[in-house]
PDB file of all heavy atoms in Angstrom:
ATOM      1  N   ASP A   1       0.137   7.066  15.447  1.00  0.00           N
ATOM      2  CA  ASP A   1      -1.089   7.540  15.974  1.00  0.00           C
ATOM      3  C   ASP A   1      -2.180   6.555  16.128  1.00  0.00           C
ATOM      4  O   ASP A   1      -2.764   6.421  17.184  1.00  0.00           O
ATOM      5  CB  ASP A   1      -1.608   8.670  15.164  1.00  0.00           C
ATOM      6  CG  ASP A   1      -0.595   9.861  15.057  1.00  0.00           C
ATOM      7  OD1 ASP A   1      -0.064  10.159  16.049  1.00  0.00           O
ATOM      8  OD2 ASP A   1      -0.539  10.563  13.931  1.00  0.00           O
ATOM      9  N   GLY A   2      -2.252   5.628  15.098  1.00  0.00           N
ATOM     10  CA  GLY A   2      -3.300   4.620  15.210  1.00  0.00           C
ATOM     11  C   GLY A   2      -2.820   3.414  15.976  1.00  0.00           C
ATOM     12  O   GLY A   2      -3.637   2.570  16.362  1.00  0.00           O
ATOM     13  N   GLN A   3      -1.409   3.273  16.149  1.00  0.00           N
ATOM     14  CA  GLN A   3      -0.890   2.084  16.894  1.00  0.00           C
ATOM     15  C   GLN A   3      -1.471   0.798  16.392  1.00  0.00           C
ATOM     16  O   GLN A   3      -1.820  -0.110  17.118  1.00  0.00           O
ATOM     17  CB  GLN A   3      -1.145   2.207  18.373  1.00  0.00           C
ATOM     18  CG  GLN A   3      -0.616   3.454  19.061  1.00  0.00           C
ATOM     19  CD  GLN A   3      -0.823   3.566  20.611  1.00  0.00           C
ATOM     20  OE1 GLN A   3      -1.766   2.863  21.166  1.00  0.00           O
ATOM     21  NE2 GLN A   3       0.035   4.257  21.331  1.00  0.00           N
ATOM     22  N   VAL A   4      -1.487   0.635  15.103  1.00  0.00           N
ATOM     23  CA  VAL A   4      -1.979  -0.568  14.466  1.00  0.00           C
ATOM     24  C   VAL A   4      -0.937  -1.621  14.455  1.00  0.00           C
ATOM     25  O   VAL A   4       0.322  -1.293  14.598  1.00  0.00           O
ATOM     26  CB  VAL A   4      -2.470  -0.482  12.982  1.00  0.00           C
ATOM     27  CG1 VAL A   4      -3.564   0.679  12.919  1.00  0.00           C
ATOM     28  CG2 VAL A   4      -1.303   0.051  12.163  1.00  0.00           C
ATOM     29  N   ALA A   5      -1.295  -2.860  14.283  1.00  0.00           N
ATOM     30  CA  ALA A   5      -0.335  -4.002  14.293  1.00  0.00           C
ATOM     31  C   ALA A   5       0.486  -4.025  12.939  1.00  0.00           C
ATOM     32  O   ALA A   5       0.034  -3.224  11.934  1.00  0.00           O
ATOM     33  CB  ALA A   5      -1.053  -5.369  14.383  1.00  0.00           C
ATOM     34  N   SER A   6       1.656  -4.586  12.968  1.00  0.00           N
ATOM     35  CA  SER A   6       2.531  -4.577  11.735  1.00  0.00           C
ATOM     36  C   SER A   6       1.767  -5.249  10.591  1.00  0.00           C
ATOM     37  O   SER A   6       1.833  -4.790   9.440  1.00  0.00           O
ATOM     38  CB  SER A   6       3.788  -5.390  12.078  1.00  0.00           C
ATOM     39  OG  SER A   6       3.542  -6.620  12.424  1.00  0.00           O
ATOM     40  N   ALA A   7       0.960  -6.223  10.830  1.00  0.00           N
ATOM     41  CA  ALA A   7       0.319  -6.875   9.792  1.00  0.00           C
ATOM     42  C   ALA A   7      -0.829  -5.915   9.102  1.00  0.00           C
ATOM     43  O   ALA A   7      -1.030  -5.825   7.996  1.00  0.00           O
ATOM     44  CB  ALA A   7      -0.486  -8.171  10.306  1.00  0.00           C
ATOM     45  N   THR A   8      -1.505  -5.152  10.032  1.00  0.00           N
ATOM     46  CA  THR A   8      -2.435  -4.241   9.567  1.00  0.00           C
ATOM     47  C   THR A   8      -1.673  -3.026   8.735  1.00  0.00           C
ATOM     48  O   THR A   8      -2.245  -2.658   7.625  1.00  0.00           O
ATOM     49  CB  THR A   8      -3.201  -3.554  10.708  1.00  0.00           C
ATOM     50  OG1 THR A   8      -3.758  -4.534  11.497  1.00  0.00           O
ATOM     51  CG2 THR A   8      -4.229  -2.555  10.245  1.00  0.00           C
ATOM     52  N   GLN A   9      -0.635  -2.670   9.137  1.00  0.00           N
ATOM     53  CA  GLN A   9       0.222  -1.625   8.436  1.00  0.00           C
ATOM     54  C   GLN A   9       0.606  -2.237   7.034  1.00  0.00           C
ATOM     55  O   GLN A   9       0.575  -1.556   5.999  1.00  0.00           O
ATOM     56  CB  GLN A   9       1.411  -1.234   9.270  1.00  0.00           C
ATOM     57  CG  GLN A   9       2.220  -0.015   8.698  1.00  0.00           C
ATOM     58  CD  GLN A   9       3.412   0.301   9.482  1.00  0.00           C
ATOM     59  OE1 GLN A   9       3.696  -0.358  10.439  1.00  0.00           O
ATOM     60  NE2 GLN A   9       3.956   1.419   9.280  1.00  0.00           N
ATOM     61  N   ASN A  10       1.026  -3.372   7.007  1.00  0.00           N
ATOM     62  CA  ASN A  10       1.454  -4.039   5.713  1.00  0.00           C
ATOM     63  C   ASN A  10       0.296  -4.282   4.780  1.00  0.00           C
ATOM     64  O   ASN A  10       0.400  -4.199   3.613  1.00  0.00           O
ATOM     65  CB  ASN A  10       2.115  -5.328   6.035  1.00  0.00           C
ATOM     66  CG  ASN A  10       3.748  -5.251   6.582  1.00  0.00           C
ATOM     67  OD1 ASN A  10       4.176  -4.181   6.256  1.00  0.00           O
ATOM     68  ND2 ASN A  10       4.012  -6.183   7.261  1.00  0.00           N
ATOM     69  N   GLN A  11      -0.915  -4.475   5.337  1.00  0.00           N
ATOM     70  CA  GLN A  11      -2.056  -4.609   4.528  1.00  0.00           C
ATOM     71  C   GLN A  11      -2.463  -3.250   3.885  1.00  0.00           C
ATOM     72  O   GLN A  11      -2.860  -3.334   2.654  1.00  0.00           O
ATOM     73  CB  GLN A  11      -3.205  -5.181   5.363  1.00  0.00           C
ATOM     74  CG  GLN A  11      -4.536  -5.293   4.475  1.00  0.00           C
ATOM     75  CD  GLN A  11      -5.860  -5.661   5.481  1.00  0.00           C
ATOM     76  OE1 GLN A  11      -6.243  -4.831   6.232  1.00  0.00           O
ATOM     77  NE2 GLN A  11      -6.374  -6.822   5.331  1.00  0.00           N
ATOM     78  N   ALA A  12      -2.333  -2.191   4.647  1.00  0.00           N
ATOM     79  CA  ALA A  12      -2.529  -0.798   4.032  1.00  0.00           C
ATOM     80  C   ALA A  12      -1.560  -0.553   2.880  1.00  0.00           C
ATOM     81  O   ALA A  12      -1.897  -0.031   1.906  1.00  0.00           O
ATOM     82  CB  ALA A  12      -2.364   0.162   5.130  1.00  0.00           C
ATOM     83  N   LEU A  13      -0.325  -0.909   3.168  1.00  0.00           N
ATOM     84  CA  LEU A  13       0.699  -0.693   2.129  1.00  0.00           C
ATOM     85  C   LEU A  13       0.295  -1.593   0.872  1.00  0.00           C
ATOM     86  O   LEU A  13       0.510  -1.100  -0.368  1.00  0.00           O
ATOM     87  CB  LEU A  13       2.080  -1.152   2.650  1.00  0.00           C
ATOM     88  CG  LEU A  13       3.138  -1.143   1.561  1.00  0.00           C
ATOM     89  CD1 LEU A  13       3.367   0.231   0.842  1.00  0.00           C
ATOM     90  CD2 LEU A  13       4.601  -1.496   2.224  1.00  0.00           C
ATOM     91  N   SER A  14      -0.169  -2.771   1.079  1.00  0.00           N
ATOM     92  CA  SER A  14      -0.397  -3.621  -0.092  1.00  0.00           C
ATOM     93  C   SER A  14      -1.591  -3.097  -0.884  1.00  0.00           C
ATOM     94  O   SER A  14      -1.647  -3.066  -2.103  1.00  0.00           O
ATOM     95  CB  SER A  14      -0.862  -5.061   0.353  1.00  0.00           C
ATOM     96  OG  SER A  14       0.193  -5.710   1.008  1.00  0.00           O
ATOM     97  N   ALA A  15      -2.502  -2.476  -0.187  1.00  0.00           N
ATOM     98  CA  ALA A  15      -3.744  -1.914  -0.875  1.00  0.00           C
ATOM     99  C   ALA A  15      -3.261  -0.643  -1.707  1.00  0.00           C
ATOM    100  O   ALA A  15      -3.650  -0.484  -2.880  1.00  0.00           O
ATOM    101  CB  ALA A  15      -4.691  -1.416   0.260  1.00  0.00           C
ATOM    102  N   LEU A  16      -2.233   0.130  -1.223  1.00  0.00           N
ATOM    103  CA  LEU A  16      -1.754   1.260  -1.896  1.00  0.00           C
ATOM    104  C   LEU A  16      -0.877   0.817  -3.091  1.00  0.00           C
ATOM    105  O   LEU A  16      -0.917   1.502  -4.132  1.00  0.00           O
ATOM    106  CB  LEU A  16      -0.857   2.191  -0.947  1.00  0.00           C
ATOM    107  CG  LEU A  16      -1.704   2.765   0.198  1.00  0.00           C
ATOM    108  CD1 LEU A  16      -0.698   3.746   1.007  1.00  0.00           C
ATOM    109  CD2 LEU A  16      -2.941   3.587  -0.344  1.00  0.00           C
ATOM    110  N   LEU A  17      -0.080  -0.251  -3.024  1.00  0.00           N
ATOM    111  CA  LEU A  17       0.623  -0.766  -4.131  1.00  0.00           C
ATOM    112  C   LEU A  17      -0.307  -1.299  -5.190  1.00  0.00           C
ATOM    113  O   LEU A  17      -0.034  -1.090  -6.365  1.00  0.00           O
ATOM    114  CB  LEU A  17       1.496  -1.896  -3.652  1.00  0.00           C
ATOM    115  CG  LEU A  17       2.560  -1.599  -2.661  1.00  0.00           C
ATOM    116  CD1 LEU A  17       3.375  -2.905  -2.319  1.00  0.00           C
ATOM    117  CD2 LEU A  17       3.634  -0.455  -3.188  1.00  0.00           C
ATOM    118  N   PHE A  18      -1.394  -1.847  -4.791  1.00  0.00           N
ATOM    119  CA  PHE A  18      -2.288  -2.255  -5.814  1.00  0.00           C
ATOM    120  C   PHE A  18      -3.041  -1.055  -6.462  1.00  0.00           C
ATOM    121  O   PHE A  18      -3.234  -1.146  -7.670  1.00  0.00           O
ATOM    122  CB  PHE A  18      -3.487  -3.072  -5.059  1.00  0.00           C
ATOM    123  CG  PHE A  18      -4.606  -3.724  -6.093  1.00  0.00           C
ATOM    124  CD1 PHE A  18      -4.276  -5.057  -6.497  1.00  0.00           C
ATOM    125  CD2 PHE A  18      -5.572  -3.043  -6.454  1.00  0.00           C
ATOM    126  CE1 PHE A  18      -5.215  -5.608  -7.339  1.00  0.00           C
ATOM    127  CE2 PHE A  18      -6.508  -3.589  -7.388  1.00  0.00           C
ATOM    128  CZ  PHE A  18      -6.360  -4.930  -7.848  1.00  0.00           C
ATOM    129  N   LEU A  19      -3.302  -0.072  -5.820  1.00  0.00           N
ATOM    130  CA  LEU A  19      -3.768   1.187  -6.276  1.00  0.00           C
ATOM    131  C   LEU A  19      -2.939   1.770  -7.472  1.00  0.00           C
ATOM    132  O   LEU A  19      -3.395   2.125  -8.569  1.00  0.00           O
ATOM    133  CB  LEU A  19      -4.081   2.241  -5.153  1.00  0.00           C
ATOM    134  CG  LEU A  19      -4.403   3.672  -5.716  1.00  0.00           C
ATOM    135  CD1 LEU A  19      -5.839   3.700  -6.368  1.00  0.00           C
ATOM    136  CD2 LEU A  19      -4.260   4.698  -4.534  1.00  0.00           C
ATOM    137  N   TYR A  20      -1.703   1.852  -7.023  1.00  0.00           N
ATOM    138  CA  TYR A  20      -0.887   2.514  -8.109  1.00  0.00           C
ATOM    139  C   TYR A  20      -0.540   1.639  -9.220  1.00  0.00           C
ATOM    140  O   TYR A  20      -0.453   2.063 -10.354  1.00  0.00           O
ATOM    141  CB  TYR A  20       0.465   2.908  -7.464  1.00  0.00           C
ATOM    142  CG  TYR A  20       0.370   4.214  -6.632  1.00  0.00           C
ATOM    143  CD1 TYR A  20       0.275   4.322  -5.278  1.00  0.00           C
ATOM    144  CD2 TYR A  20       0.451   5.545  -7.280  1.00  0.00           C
ATOM    145  CE1 TYR A  20      -0.103   5.471  -4.485  1.00  0.00           C
ATOM    146  CE2 TYR A  20       0.258   6.677  -6.639  1.00  0.00           C
ATOM    147  CZ  TYR A  20       0.052   6.735  -5.217  1.00  0.00           C
ATOM    148  OH  TYR A  20       0.004   7.868  -4.657  1.00  0.00           O
ATOM    149  N   ARG A  21      -0.308   0.430  -8.973  1.00  0.00           N
ATOM    150  CA  ARG A  21       0.183  -0.514  -9.989  1.00  0.00           C
ATOM    151  C   ARG A  21      -0.927  -1.062 -10.872  1.00  0.00           C
ATOM    152  O   ARG A  21      -0.920  -0.926 -12.109  1.00  0.00           O
ATOM    153  CB  ARG A  21       1.000  -1.704  -9.507  1.00  0.00           C
ATOM    154  CG  ARG A  21       2.303  -1.418  -9.015  1.00  0.00           C
ATOM    155  CD  ARG A  21       2.976  -2.567  -8.162  1.00  0.00           C
ATOM    156  NE  ARG A  21       4.276  -2.331  -7.855  1.00  0.00           N
ATOM    157  CZ  ARG A  21       4.981  -3.001  -6.970  1.00  0.00           C
ATOM    158  NH1 ARG A  21       4.439  -4.024  -6.317  1.00  0.00           N
ATOM    159  NH2 ARG A  21       6.300  -2.700  -6.812  1.00  0.00           N
ATOM    160  N   ARG A  22      -2.167  -1.451 -10.372  1.00  0.00           N
ATOM    161  CA  ARG A  22      -3.237  -1.996 -11.045  1.00  0.00           C
ATOM    162  C   ARG A  22      -4.170  -1.065 -11.466  1.00  0.00           C
ATOM    163  O   ARG A  22      -4.967  -1.252 -12.571  1.00  0.00           O
ATOM    164  CB  ARG A  22      -3.813  -3.178 -10.230  1.00  0.00           C
ATOM    165  CG  ARG A  22      -2.836  -4.256  -9.824  1.00  0.00           C
ATOM    166  CD  ARG A  22      -2.035  -4.747 -10.871  1.00  0.00           C
ATOM    167  NE  ARG A  22      -1.115  -5.947 -10.263  1.00  0.00           N
ATOM    168  CZ  ARG A  22      -0.228  -6.484 -11.091  1.00  0.00           C
ATOM    169  NH1 ARG A  22      -0.075  -6.218 -12.319  1.00  0.00           N
ATOM    170  NH2 ARG A  22       0.585  -7.361 -10.477  1.00  0.00           N
ATOM    171  N   VAL A  23      -4.529  -0.035 -10.655  1.00  0.00           N
ATOM    172  CA  VAL A  23      -5.542   0.921 -10.995  1.00  0.00           C
ATOM    173  C   VAL A  23      -5.111   2.133 -11.790  1.00  0.00           C
ATOM    174  O   VAL A  23      -5.702   2.547 -12.797  1.00  0.00           O
ATOM    175  CB  VAL A  23      -6.320   1.389  -9.696  1.00  0.00           C
ATOM    176  CG1 VAL A  23      -7.503   2.272 -10.014  1.00  0.00           C
ATOM    177  CG2 VAL A  23      -6.783   0.100  -9.003  1.00  0.00           C
ATOM    178  N   LEU A  24      -4.003   2.830 -11.229  1.00  0.00           N
ATOM    179  CA  LEU A  24      -3.571   4.020 -11.850  1.00  0.00           C
ATOM    180  C   LEU A  24      -2.457   3.664 -13.023  1.00  0.00           C
ATOM    181  O   LEU A  24      -2.090   4.454 -13.849  1.00  0.00           O
ATOM    182  CB  LEU A  24      -2.889   4.914 -10.887  1.00  0.00           C
ATOM    183  CG  LEU A  24      -3.927   5.429  -9.772  1.00  0.00           C
ATOM    184  CD1 LEU A  24      -3.125   6.266  -8.777  1.00  0.00           C
ATOM    185  CD2 LEU A  24      -5.034   6.165 -10.342  1.00  0.00           C
ATOM    186  N   GLY A  25      -1.977   2.358 -13.024  1.00  0.00           N
ATOM    187  CA  GLY A  25      -1.097   2.005 -13.998  1.00  0.00           C
ATOM    188  C   GLY A  25       0.256   2.589 -13.797  1.00  0.00           C
ATOM    189  O   GLY A  25       0.926   3.016 -14.796  1.00  0.00           O
ATOM    190  N   VAL A  26       0.651   3.052 -12.607  1.00  0.00           N
ATOM    191  CA  VAL A  26       1.818   3.742 -12.336  1.00  0.00           C
ATOM    192  C   VAL A  26       2.936   2.739 -11.844  1.00  0.00           C
ATOM    193  O   VAL A  26       2.739   2.138 -10.688  1.00  0.00           O
ATOM    194  CB  VAL A  26       1.584   4.805 -11.356  1.00  0.00           C
ATOM    195  CG1 VAL A  26       2.883   5.617 -11.032  1.00  0.00           C
ATOM    196  CG2 VAL A  26       0.600   5.782 -11.878  1.00  0.00           C
ATOM    197  N   GLU A  27       4.037   2.648 -12.538  1.00  0.00           N
ATOM    198  CA  GLU A  27       5.156   1.845 -12.048  1.00  0.00           C
ATOM    199  C   GLU A  27       6.261   2.776 -11.602  1.00  0.00           C
ATOM    200  O   GLU A  27       6.967   3.273 -12.523  1.00  0.00           O
ATOM    201  CB  GLU A  27       5.555   0.871 -13.057  1.00  0.00           C
ATOM    202  CG  GLU A  27       4.672  -0.268 -13.324  1.00  0.00           C
ATOM    203  CD  GLU A  27       4.773  -1.302 -12.118  1.00  0.00           C
ATOM    204  OE1 GLU A  27       5.712  -1.208 -11.265  1.00  0.00           O
ATOM    205  OE2 GLU A  27       3.912  -2.258 -12.152  1.00  0.00           O
ATOM    206  N   LEU A  28       6.279   3.115 -10.305  1.00  0.00           N
ATOM    207  CA  LEU A  28       7.328   4.039  -9.822  1.00  0.00           C
ATOM    208  C   LEU A  28       8.373   3.355  -9.104  1.00  0.00           C
ATOM    209  O   LEU A  28       8.200   2.406  -8.272  1.00  0.00           O
ATOM    210  CB  LEU A  28       6.684   5.152  -9.077  1.00  0.00           C
ATOM    211  CG  LEU A  28       5.679   6.053  -9.844  1.00  0.00           C
ATOM    212  CD1 LEU A  28       5.000   6.966  -8.899  1.00  0.00           C
ATOM    213  CD2 LEU A  28       6.260   6.744 -10.950  1.00  0.00           C
ATOM    214  N   PRO A  29       9.740   3.709  -9.189  1.00  0.00           N
ATOM    215  CA  PRO A  29      10.751   3.049  -8.505  1.00  0.00           C
ATOM    216  C   PRO A  29      10.533   3.127  -7.016  1.00  0.00           C
ATOM    217  O   PRO A  29      10.915   2.095  -6.276  1.00  0.00           O
ATOM    218  CB  PRO A  29      12.001   3.737  -8.851  1.00  0.00           C
ATOM    219  CG  PRO A  29      11.642   4.402 -10.196  1.00  0.00           C
ATOM    220  CD  PRO A  29      10.227   4.707 -10.117  1.00  0.00           C
ATOM    221  N   TRP A  30       9.976   4.132  -6.440  1.00  0.00           N
ATOM    222  CA  TRP A  30       9.816   4.267  -4.986  1.00  0.00           C
ATOM    223  C   TRP A  30       8.936   3.170  -4.292  1.00  0.00           C
ATOM    224  O   TRP A  30       8.978   2.908  -3.264  1.00  0.00           O
ATOM    225  CB  TRP A  30       9.317   5.612  -4.612  1.00  0.00           C
ATOM    226  CG  TRP A  30       8.078   6.038  -5.193  1.00  0.00           C
ATOM    227  CD1 TRP A  30       7.955   6.846  -6.294  1.00  0.00           C
ATOM    228  CD2 TRP A  30       6.779   5.870  -4.755  1.00  0.00           C
ATOM    229  NE1 TRP A  30       6.629   7.163  -6.487  1.00  0.00           N
ATOM    230  CE2 TRP A  30       5.842   6.502  -5.673  1.00  0.00           C
ATOM    231  CE3 TRP A  30       6.218   5.017  -3.723  1.00  0.00           C
ATOM    232  CZ2 TRP A  30       4.542   6.398  -5.541  1.00  0.00           C
ATOM    233  CZ3 TRP A  30       4.915   4.997  -3.575  1.00  0.00           C
ATOM    234  CH2 TRP A  30       4.011   5.662  -4.393  1.00  0.00           C
TER     235      TRP A  30
END
């Protein structure tokens, strides 16, 4: 829907990984 570039999509994923691992302290296999 947003038609963002692959680099932008990967940046969004990195932000979410940071949220779960560093902020929420959640280490999930997925």
